[in-house]
Amino acid sequence: MAYLGFEIKPQEKIKLVIRSHWFILLSIILKFFFILFIVLSGLYLIARYFNLTLLNNLIPIINSTFLLFWWLGLFHGLTDYYLDVWIVTDHRVLDIRHTGLFNRDISELRLSKIQDITMKTKGIFAIFLDYGDLIIQTAAEEKEFKFESISRPEEIKNLILNAYDDYAREHSNGKENHSI
């Protein structure tokens, strides 16, 4: 089974699919609309109160160019929010990140490699809206998995630790034996 372009093994079960908190999405949208308001207001004020004939003729071109780049930036921010995902299965943790419209990084962490999980909550909004970062320390080459601005980080931390305990109990001999 494939999920967001990554293959989930037949013996695996998805326990959780995690995205950043909705407040992060709201902040992206508000930031872009604030920029839109400031730039269009500035262009309107310049066109209205300054009698610059050449600039007045360029205002529609400037508006169109700005709106094109504004829309591309907003689309990139929304796409990045939606496509950055962390998946917790009963065998591993997957970190799927998009670093551009056509670049994707996928990292995989086996539950058996987890050494420590740290939860960080910074700021008044994060405390009241219950979101924060979750950092998983490993002994592997990829030393740290960071789940950024996720909802209910303590609950997710406990879910990952329970998945780790279940995995350790089922694979106490250190080998994965699955019949397909």
N, C-alpha and C. Protein backbone atom coordinates (compact mmCIF):
# COMPACT_ATOMS: atom_id res chain seq x y z
N MET A 1 0.84 -1.17 0.00
CA MET A 1 0.00 0.00 0.00
C MET A 1 0.90 1.24 0.00
N ALA A 2 0.55 2.20 -0.82
CA ALA A 2 1.32 3.45 -0.89
C ALA A 2 0.54 4.56 -0.21
N TYR A 3 1.26 5.41 0.49
CA TYR A 3 0.65 6.57 1.14
C TYR A 3 1.56 7.76 0.88
N LEU A 4 1.01 8.78 0.22
CA LEU A 4 1.77 9.99 -0.15
C LEU A 4 3.08 9.64 -0.85
N GLY A 5 3.04 8.63 -1.69
CA GLY A 5 4.20 8.27 -2.48
C GLY A 5 5.20 7.40 -1.75
N PHE A 6 4.88 6.94 -0.56
CA PHE A 6 5.80 6.09 0.19
C PHE A 6 5.14 4.76 0.44
N GLU A 7 5.91 3.70 0.27
CA GLU A 7 5.37 2.35 0.37
C GLU A 7 5.25 1.91 1.83
N ILE A 8 4.05 1.52 2.21
CA ILE A 8 3.81 0.93 3.53
C ILE A 8 3.82 -0.57 3.34
N LYS A 9 4.63 -1.26 4.13
CA LYS A 9 4.77 -2.71 4.00
C LYS A 9 3.46 -3.41 4.36
N PRO A 10 3.21 -4.57 3.75
CA PRO A 10 1.93 -5.27 3.99
C PRO A 10 1.70 -5.62 5.47
N GLN A 11 2.76 -5.91 6.20
CA GLN A 11 2.59 -6.29 7.60
C GLN A 11 2.47 -5.09 8.54
N GLU A 12 2.64 -3.89 8.01
CA GLU A 12 2.56 -2.68 8.83
C GLU A 12 1.14 -2.15 8.93
N LYS A 13 0.87 -1.55 10.07
CA LYS A 13 -0.39 -0.86 10.26
C LYS A 13 -0.09 0.58 10.63
N ILE A 14 -0.75 1.51 9.95
CA ILE A 14 -0.58 2.94 10.26
C ILE A 14 -1.31 3.24 11.55
N LYS A 15 -0.59 3.77 12.51
CA LYS A 15 -1.20 4.15 13.79
C LYS A 15 -1.63 5.60 13.80
N LEU A 16 -0.86 6.45 13.09
CA LEU A 16 -1.13 7.88 13.16
C LEU A 16 -0.50 8.59 11.98
N VAL A 17 -1.22 9.55 11.42
CA VAL A 17 -0.70 10.45 10.39
C VAL A 17 -0.76 11.85 11.00
N ILE A 18 0.39 12.53 11.03
CA ILE A 18 0.50 13.80 11.75
C ILE A 18 0.90 14.91 10.78
N ARG A 19 0.22 16.03 10.91
CA ARG A 19 0.60 17.26 10.20
C ARG A 19 0.79 18.34 11.24
N SER A 20 1.34 19.46 10.83
CA SER A 20 1.48 20.59 11.74
C SER A 20 0.10 21.06 12.21
N HIS A 21 0.07 21.74 13.33
CA HIS A 21 -1.16 22.24 13.94
C HIS A 21 -1.88 23.20 12.99
N TRP A 22 -3.20 23.27 13.09
CA TRP A 22 -3.99 24.14 12.22
C TRP A 22 -3.62 25.61 12.40
N PHE A 23 -3.11 25.98 13.56
CA PHE A 23 -2.73 27.37 13.79
C PHE A 23 -1.57 27.78 12.87
N ILE A 24 -0.71 26.83 12.52
CA ILE A 24 0.40 27.09 11.59
C ILE A 24 -0.17 27.42 10.21
N LEU A 25 -1.17 26.66 9.78
CA LEU A 25 -1.83 26.93 8.51
C LEU A 25 -2.49 28.31 8.54
N LEU A 26 -3.17 28.62 9.62
CA LEU A 26 -3.82 29.93 9.76
C LEU A 26 -2.78 31.05 9.72
N SER A 27 -1.65 30.86 10.37
CA SER A 27 -0.61 31.90 10.37
C SER A 27 -0.02 32.11 8.98
N ILE A 28 0.10 31.04 8.19
CA ILE A 28 0.58 31.18 6.80
C ILE A 28 -0.41 32.01 6.00
N ILE A 29 -1.69 31.69 6.11
CA ILE A 29 -2.72 32.41 5.36
C ILE A 29 -2.79 33.88 5.80
N LEU A 30 -2.79 34.12 7.11
CA LEU A 30 -2.86 35.50 7.60
C LEU A 30 -1.65 36.33 7.16
N LYS A 31 -0.47 35.70 7.19
CA LYS A 31 0.74 36.40 6.76
C LYS A 31 0.62 36.85 5.30
N PHE A 32 0.14 35.98 4.44
CA PHE A 32 0.03 36.34 3.03
C PHE A 32 -1.04 37.39 2.79
N PHE A 33 -2.16 37.32 3.51
CA PHE A 33 -3.19 38.34 3.33
C PHE A 33 -2.76 39.69 3.93
N PHE A 34 -1.97 39.67 4.98
CA PHE A 34 -1.43 40.92 5.52
C PHE A 34 -0.49 41.57 4.51
N ILE A 35 0.37 40.78 3.89
CA ILE A 35 1.27 41.30 2.85
C ILE A 35 0.45 41.86 1.68
N LEU A 36 -0.58 41.14 1.28
CA LEU A 36 -1.45 41.60 0.18
C LEU A 36 -2.07 42.95 0.53
N PHE A 37 -2.60 43.08 1.73
CA PHE A 37 -3.24 44.32 2.16
C PHE A 37 -2.25 45.48 2.16
N ILE A 38 -1.08 45.27 2.73
CA ILE A 38 -0.07 46.35 2.83
C ILE A 38 0.37 46.80 1.44
N VAL A 39 0.70 45.88 0.57
CA VAL A 39 1.21 46.25 -0.76
C VAL A 39 0.13 46.93 -1.60
N LEU A 40 -1.07 46.35 -1.63
CA LEU A 40 -2.12 46.97 -2.44
C LEU A 40 -2.55 48.32 -1.87
N SER A 41 -2.56 48.46 -0.55
CA SER A 41 -2.87 49.76 0.05
C SER A 41 -1.80 50.79 -0.31
N GLY A 42 -0.56 50.38 -0.25
CA GLY A 42 0.54 51.28 -0.62
C GLY A 42 0.45 51.70 -2.07
N LEU A 43 0.18 50.76 -2.96
CA LEU A 43 0.05 51.11 -4.38
C LEU A 43 -1.15 52.04 -4.62
N TYR A 44 -2.24 51.80 -3.91
CA TYR A 44 -3.41 52.66 -4.05
C TYR A 44 -3.10 54.08 -3.57
N LEU A 45 -2.44 54.18 -2.43
CA LEU A 45 -2.10 55.51 -1.89
C LEU A 45 -1.14 56.25 -2.82
N ILE A 46 -0.19 55.55 -3.36
CA ILE A 46 0.75 56.18 -4.29
C ILE A 46 0.02 56.68 -5.53
N ALA A 47 -0.87 55.85 -6.08
CA ALA A 47 -1.60 56.23 -7.28
C ALA A 47 -2.58 57.37 -7.00
N ARG A 48 -3.14 57.41 -5.82
CA ARG A 48 -4.16 58.41 -5.50
C ARG A 48 -3.58 59.78 -5.13
N TYR A 49 -2.52 59.78 -4.34
CA TYR A 49 -2.04 61.05 -3.79
C TYR A 49 -0.80 61.62 -4.47
N PHE A 50 -0.19 60.84 -5.32
CA PHE A 50 0.96 61.37 -6.06
C PHE A 50 0.59 61.42 -7.53
N ASN A 51 0.78 62.54 -8.12
CA ASN A 51 0.43 62.70 -9.52
C ASN A 51 1.64 62.35 -10.39
N LEU A 52 1.95 61.07 -10.41
CA LEU A 52 3.07 60.59 -11.22
C LEU A 52 2.47 59.82 -12.40
N THR A 53 2.38 60.45 -13.53
CA THR A 53 1.71 59.87 -14.69
C THR A 53 2.37 58.56 -15.11
N LEU A 54 3.68 58.52 -15.13
CA LEU A 54 4.37 57.29 -15.53
C LEU A 54 4.09 56.16 -14.55
N LEU A 55 4.14 56.46 -13.26
CA LEU A 55 3.87 55.44 -12.24
C LEU A 55 2.42 54.98 -12.30
N ASN A 56 1.50 55.90 -12.55
CA ASN A 56 0.09 55.52 -12.67
C ASN A 56 -0.14 54.55 -13.82
N ASN A 57 0.62 54.71 -14.88
CA ASN A 57 0.49 53.78 -16.01
C ASN A 57 1.10 52.42 -15.68
N LEU A 58 2.06 52.39 -14.75
CA LEU A 58 2.70 51.13 -14.38
C LEU A 58 1.98 50.37 -13.26
N ILE A 59 1.06 51.04 -12.57
CA ILE A 59 0.37 50.41 -11.43
C ILE A 59 -0.30 49.08 -11.82
N PRO A 60 -1.04 49.00 -12.93
CA PRO A 60 -1.65 47.71 -13.27
C PRO A 60 -0.62 46.60 -13.51
N ILE A 61 0.50 46.94 -14.09
CA ILE A 61 1.55 45.94 -14.33
C ILE A 61 2.17 45.50 -13.00
N ILE A 62 2.43 46.48 -12.14
CA ILE A 62 2.99 46.16 -10.82
C ILE A 62 2.00 45.31 -10.03
N ASN A 63 0.71 45.69 -10.05
CA ASN A 63 -0.33 44.89 -9.36
C ASN A 63 -0.36 43.46 -9.87
N SER A 64 -0.37 43.30 -11.18
CA SER A 64 -0.46 41.95 -11.77
C SER A 64 0.76 41.12 -11.41
N THR A 65 1.94 41.71 -11.50
CA THR A 65 3.17 40.98 -11.18
C THR A 65 3.19 40.61 -9.70
N PHE A 66 2.83 41.56 -8.85
CA PHE A 66 2.80 41.27 -7.42
C PHE A 66 1.80 40.15 -7.11
N LEU A 67 0.59 40.24 -7.69
CA LEU A 67 -0.43 39.22 -7.41
C LEU A 67 0.00 37.84 -7.90
N LEU A 68 0.71 37.78 -9.00
CA LEU A 68 1.22 36.50 -9.49
C LEU A 68 2.18 35.87 -8.48
N PHE A 69 3.16 36.67 -8.02
CA PHE A 69 4.12 36.14 -7.06
C PHE A 69 3.47 35.89 -5.70
N TRP A 70 2.50 36.70 -5.32
CA TRP A 70 1.77 36.48 -4.07
C TRP A 70 1.03 35.16 -4.11
N TRP A 71 0.34 34.91 -5.22
CA TRP A 71 -0.41 33.67 -5.36
C TRP A 71 0.52 32.46 -5.37
N LEU A 72 1.65 32.55 -6.06
CA LEU A 72 2.62 31.45 -6.07
C LEU A 72 3.17 31.18 -4.66
N GLY A 73 3.46 32.25 -3.91
CA GLY A 73 3.95 32.09 -2.55
C GLY A 73 2.91 31.46 -1.65
N LEU A 74 1.66 31.90 -1.75
CA LEU A 74 0.58 31.31 -0.95
C LEU A 74 0.38 29.84 -1.32
N PHE A 75 0.37 29.54 -2.60
CA PHE A 75 0.22 28.15 -3.05
C PHE A 75 1.36 27.29 -2.52
N HIS A 76 2.58 27.80 -2.57
CA HIS A 76 3.73 27.05 -2.07
C HIS A 76 3.59 26.80 -0.56
N GLY A 77 3.18 27.82 0.19
CA GLY A 77 3.01 27.66 1.64
C GLY A 77 1.94 26.64 1.98
N LEU A 78 0.80 26.68 1.29
CA LEU A 78 -0.29 25.72 1.55
C LEU A 78 0.11 24.31 1.14
N THR A 79 0.79 24.19 0.00
CA THR A 79 1.23 22.87 -0.46
C THR A 79 2.26 22.28 0.50
N ASP A 80 3.18 23.11 0.94
CA ASP A 80 4.19 22.66 1.89
C ASP A 80 3.56 22.20 3.19
N TYR A 81 2.56 22.94 3.67
CA TYR A 81 1.86 22.55 4.89
C TYR A 81 1.18 21.18 4.72
N TYR A 82 0.48 21.01 3.60
CA TYR A 82 -0.29 19.78 3.39
C TYR A 82 0.61 18.57 3.15
N LEU A 83 1.72 18.75 2.44
CA LEU A 83 2.54 17.60 2.06
C LEU A 83 3.61 17.23 3.09
N ASP A 84 3.89 18.10 4.06
CA ASP A 84 4.81 17.73 5.14
C ASP A 84 4.03 16.89 6.14
N VAL A 85 4.42 15.64 6.27
CA VAL A 85 3.64 14.72 7.09
C VAL A 85 4.57 13.75 7.81
N TRP A 86 4.14 13.33 8.98
CA TRP A 86 4.85 12.30 9.73
C TRP A 86 3.88 11.15 9.91
N ILE A 87 4.37 9.95 9.67
CA ILE A 87 3.53 8.75 9.77
C ILE A 87 4.14 7.83 10.81
N VAL A 88 3.31 7.39 11.74
CA VAL A 88 3.74 6.44 12.76
C VAL A 88 3.04 5.12 12.46
N THR A 89 3.83 4.08 12.24
CA THR A 89 3.27 2.75 12.05
C THR A 89 3.67 1.89 13.24
N ASP A 90 3.30 0.64 13.21
CA ASP A 90 3.66 -0.25 14.31
C ASP A 90 5.10 -0.78 14.19
N HIS A 91 5.85 -0.34 13.14
CA HIS A 91 7.24 -0.75 12.96
C HIS A 91 8.22 0.41 12.85
N ARG A 92 7.74 1.57 12.39
CA ARG A 92 8.66 2.67 12.14
C ARG A 92 7.94 4.02 12.13
N VAL A 93 8.77 5.05 12.08
CA VAL A 93 8.28 6.42 11.97
C VAL A 93 8.83 6.98 10.66
N LEU A 94 7.96 7.58 9.87
CA LEU A 94 8.34 8.15 8.58
C LEU A 94 8.21 9.66 8.65
N ASP A 95 9.21 10.35 8.14
CA ASP A 95 9.21 11.81 8.07
C ASP A 95 9.26 12.19 6.60
N ILE A 96 8.14 12.71 6.07
CA ILE A 96 8.06 13.08 4.66
C ILE A 96 7.96 14.59 4.61
N ARG A 97 8.99 15.23 4.04
CA ARG A 97 9.05 16.69 3.97
C ARG A 97 9.25 17.13 2.53
N HIS A 98 8.57 18.19 2.19
CA HIS A 98 8.76 18.81 0.88
C HIS A 98 9.55 20.10 1.10
N THR A 99 10.66 20.21 0.39
CA THR A 99 11.53 21.38 0.55
C THR A 99 11.42 22.30 -0.66
N GLY A 100 10.40 22.14 -1.41
CA GLY A 100 10.12 22.93 -2.60
C GLY A 100 8.97 22.24 -3.29
N LEU A 101 8.54 22.78 -4.40
CA LEU A 101 7.40 22.16 -5.08
C LEU A 101 7.75 20.79 -5.65
N PHE A 102 9.00 20.56 -5.99
CA PHE A 102 9.36 19.30 -6.63
C PHE A 102 10.49 18.58 -5.92
N ASN A 103 10.71 18.86 -4.65
CA ASN A 103 11.75 18.19 -3.87
C ASN A 103 11.10 17.54 -2.64
N ARG A 104 11.40 16.27 -2.44
CA ARG A 104 10.84 15.56 -1.30
C ARG A 104 11.94 14.80 -0.60
N ASP A 105 12.00 14.93 0.72
CA ASP A 105 12.93 14.16 1.55
C ASP A 105 12.11 13.21 2.41
N ILE A 106 12.49 11.93 2.38
CA ILE A 106 11.79 10.94 3.19
C ILE A 106 12.82 10.28 4.09
N SER A 107 12.57 10.36 5.40
CA SER A 107 13.44 9.70 6.37
C SER A 107 12.63 8.64 7.10
N GLU A 108 13.30 7.58 7.46
CA GLU A 108 12.65 6.45 8.11
C GLU A 108 13.40 6.12 9.39
N LEU A 109 12.65 5.86 10.43
CA LEU A 109 13.23 5.50 11.72
C LEU A 109 12.53 4.25 12.23
N ARG A 110 13.28 3.20 12.42
CA ARG A 110 12.71 1.98 13.02
C ARG A 110 12.46 2.24 14.49
N LEU A 111 11.36 1.71 14.98
CA LEU A 111 11.02 1.92 16.39
C LEU A 111 12.09 1.37 17.32
N SER A 112 12.78 0.34 16.88
CA SER A 112 13.82 -0.26 17.72
C SER A 112 15.03 0.66 17.92
N LYS A 113 15.16 1.70 17.10
CA LYS A 113 16.30 2.62 17.18
C LYS A 113 16.04 3.84 18.09
N ILE A 114 14.82 3.96 18.59
CA ILE A 114 14.48 5.12 19.43
C ILE A 114 15.22 5.02 20.75
N GLN A 115 15.88 6.13 21.12
CA GLN A 115 16.55 6.19 22.42
C GLN A 115 15.85 7.14 23.38
N ASP A 116 15.34 8.25 22.86
CA ASP A 116 14.74 9.25 23.74
C ASP A 116 13.75 10.10 22.94
N ILE A 117 12.70 10.57 23.61
CA ILE A 117 11.74 11.46 22.97
C ILE A 117 11.59 12.70 23.86
N THR A 118 11.78 13.87 23.27
CA THR A 118 11.67 15.13 23.99
C THR A 118 10.53 15.94 23.40
N MET A 119 9.76 16.58 24.27
CA MET A 119 8.67 17.44 23.85
C MET A 119 8.99 18.88 24.23
N LYS A 120 8.81 19.81 23.27
CA LYS A 120 9.06 21.23 23.54
C LYS A 120 7.84 22.04 23.15
N THR A 121 7.42 22.92 24.05
CA THR A 121 6.32 23.83 23.79
C THR A 121 6.82 25.23 24.10
N LYS A 122 6.78 26.13 23.11
CA LYS A 122 7.29 27.49 23.29
C LYS A 122 6.22 28.50 22.90
N GLY A 123 5.97 29.44 23.79
CA GLY A 123 5.07 30.54 23.47
C GLY A 123 3.68 30.36 24.04
N ILE A 124 3.00 31.47 24.17
CA ILE A 124 1.67 31.47 24.77
C ILE A 124 0.64 30.78 23.88
N PHE A 125 0.72 30.99 22.55
CA PHE A 125 -0.22 30.32 21.65
C PHE A 125 -0.03 28.82 21.69
N ALA A 126 1.22 28.38 21.72
CA ALA A 126 1.50 26.94 21.75
C ALA A 126 0.96 26.29 23.02
N ILE A 127 1.08 26.98 24.12
CA ILE A 127 0.59 26.42 25.38
C ILE A 127 -0.94 26.35 25.39
N PHE A 128 -1.60 27.44 24.98
CA PHE A 128 -3.06 27.46 25.02
C PHE A 128 -3.70 26.59 23.94
N LEU A 129 -3.06 26.49 22.78
CA LEU A 129 -3.62 25.69 21.69
C LEU A 129 -3.09 24.25 21.67
N ASP A 130 -2.21 23.93 22.61
CA ASP A 130 -1.66 22.58 22.77
C ASP A 130 -0.96 22.07 21.51
N TYR A 131 0.08 22.79 21.11
CA TYR A 131 0.94 22.30 20.05
C TYR A 131 2.39 22.57 20.41
N GLY A 132 3.28 21.81 19.80
CA GLY A 132 4.70 21.96 20.08
C GLY A 132 5.52 21.03 19.21
N ASP A 133 6.79 20.93 19.55
CA ASP A 133 7.73 20.08 18.81
C ASP A 133 7.96 18.79 19.57
N LEU A 134 8.19 17.74 18.81
CA LEU A 134 8.54 16.45 19.38
C LEU A 134 9.85 16.03 18.73
N ILE A 135 10.86 15.74 19.54
CA ILE A 135 12.18 15.39 19.01
C ILE A 135 12.51 13.97 19.45
N ILE A 136 12.76 13.11 18.46
CA ILE A 136 13.10 11.72 18.74
C ILE A 136 14.60 11.56 18.52
N GLN A 137 15.31 11.15 19.56
CA GLN A 137 16.75 10.91 19.48
C GLN A 137 16.99 9.44 19.12
N THR A 138 17.96 9.23 18.24
CA THR A 138 18.29 7.87 17.81
C THR A 138 19.80 7.66 17.88
N ALA A 139 20.18 6.40 17.73
CA ALA A 139 21.59 6.07 17.65
C ALA A 139 22.02 5.90 16.19
N ALA A 140 21.10 6.08 15.29
CA ALA A 140 21.37 5.85 13.87
C ALA A 140 22.08 7.06 13.25
N GLU A 141 22.33 6.97 11.95
CA GLU A 141 23.00 8.04 11.23
C GLU A 141 22.19 9.33 11.28
N GLU A 142 20.89 9.22 11.11
CA GLU A 142 19.98 10.36 11.25
C GLU A 142 19.72 10.48 12.75
N LYS A 143 20.46 11.37 13.43
CA LYS A 143 20.48 11.42 14.89
C LYS A 143 19.18 11.92 15.50
N GLU A 144 18.40 12.70 14.75
CA GLU A 144 17.26 13.36 15.35
C GLU A 144 16.11 13.45 14.35
N PHE A 145 14.93 13.07 14.80
CA PHE A 145 13.70 13.28 14.04
C PHE A 145 12.93 14.37 14.76
N LYS A 146 12.55 15.40 14.02
CA LYS A 146 11.85 16.51 14.66
C LYS A 146 10.47 16.68 14.03
N PHE A 147 9.45 16.52 14.85
CA PHE A 147 8.08 16.79 14.44
C PHE A 147 7.81 18.23 14.86
N GLU A 148 7.63 19.12 13.91
CA GLU A 148 7.52 20.54 14.23
C GLU A 148 6.08 21.01 14.31
N SER A 149 5.76 21.70 15.39
CA SER A 149 4.46 22.34 15.59
C SER A 149 3.28 21.39 15.40
N ILE A 150 3.32 20.27 16.08
CA ILE A 150 2.24 19.29 15.95
C ILE A 150 1.23 19.46 17.08
N SER A 151 0.01 19.06 16.82
CA SER A 151 -1.05 19.09 17.83
C SER A 151 -0.81 17.99 18.86
N ARG A 152 -1.17 18.27 20.08
CA ARG A 152 -1.12 17.30 21.18
C ARG A 152 0.21 16.53 21.23
N PRO A 153 1.34 17.22 21.39
CA PRO A 153 2.63 16.54 21.36
C PRO A 153 2.80 15.49 22.47
N GLU A 154 2.25 15.75 23.64
CA GLU A 154 2.40 14.77 24.73
C GLU A 154 1.63 13.48 24.42
N GLU A 155 0.45 13.62 23.86
CA GLU A 155 -0.35 12.45 23.48
C GLU A 155 0.37 11.63 22.39
N ILE A 156 0.96 12.32 21.43
CA ILE A 156 1.67 11.63 20.34
C ILE A 156 2.94 10.98 20.88
N LYS A 157 3.61 11.64 21.80
CA LYS A 157 4.79 11.06 22.44
C LYS A 157 4.42 9.74 23.13
N ASN A 158 3.33 9.74 23.86
CA ASN A 158 2.88 8.51 24.54
C ASN A 158 2.49 7.44 23.54
N LEU A 159 1.87 7.82 22.43
CA LEU A 159 1.50 6.85 21.40
C LEU A 159 2.75 6.20 20.79
N ILE A 160 3.78 7.01 20.52
CA ILE A 160 5.02 6.47 19.95
C ILE A 160 5.70 5.55 20.96
N LEU A 161 5.73 5.95 22.22
CA LEU A 161 6.34 5.10 23.25
C LEU A 161 5.58 3.78 23.42
N ASN A 162 4.25 3.83 23.34
CA ASN A 162 3.45 2.60 23.40
C ASN A 162 3.71 1.72 22.18
N ALA A 163 3.85 2.34 20.99
CA ALA A 163 4.17 1.57 19.79
C ALA A 163 5.55 0.93 19.93
N TYR A 164 6.49 1.67 20.52
CA TYR A 164 7.83 1.13 20.76
C TYR A 164 7.75 -0.07 21.71
N ASP A 165 6.99 0.05 22.79
CA ASP A 165 6.84 -1.05 23.75
C ASP A 165 6.19 -2.27 23.09
N ASP A 166 5.15 -2.05 22.29
CA ASP A 166 4.49 -3.15 21.59
C ASP A 166 5.45 -3.82 20.61
N TYR A 167 6.22 -3.02 19.90
CA TYR A 167 7.19 -3.55 18.94
C TYR A 167 8.25 -4.38 19.66
N ALA A 168 8.76 -3.87 20.77
CA ALA A 168 9.79 -4.59 21.54
C ALA A 168 9.23 -5.90 22.08
N ARG A 169 7.99 -5.90 22.50
CA ARG A 169 7.37 -7.12 23.03
C ARG A 169 7.17 -8.16 21.93
N GLU A 170 6.72 -7.73 20.75
CA GLU A 170 6.46 -8.64 19.64
C GLU A 170 7.75 -9.16 18.99
N HIS A 171 8.82 -8.37 19.05
CA HIS A 171 10.07 -8.73 18.40
C HIS A 171 11.19 -8.84 19.43
N SER A 172 10.93 -9.59 20.48
CA SER A 172 11.90 -9.69 21.58
C SER A 172 13.18 -10.40 21.15
N ASN A 173 13.10 -11.21 20.09
CA ASN A 173 14.30 -11.89 19.59
C ASN A 173 15.14 -11.02 18.67
N GLY A 174 14.62 -9.82 18.35
CA GLY A 174 15.37 -8.88 17.50
C GLY A 174 15.15 -9.08 16.02
N LYS A 175 14.29 -10.02 15.63
CA LYS A 175 14.05 -10.29 14.21
C LYS A 175 12.59 -10.07 13.89
N GLU A 176 12.36 -9.66 12.66
CA GLU A 176 10.99 -9.50 12.18
C GLU A 176 10.63 -10.71 11.33
N ASN A 177 9.68 -11.50 11.79
CA ASN A 177 9.20 -12.64 11.05
C ASN A 177 7.73 -12.43 10.78
N HIS A 178 7.42 -12.17 9.51
CA HIS A 178 6.03 -11.92 9.14
C HIS A 178 5.67 -12.82 7.98
N SER A 179 4.51 -13.39 8.07
CA SER A 179 4.03 -14.16 6.92
C SER A 179 3.04 -13.27 6.17
N ILE A 180 3.22 -13.20 4.86
CA ILE A 180 2.39 -12.31 4.04
C ILE A 180 1.19 -13.04 3.54
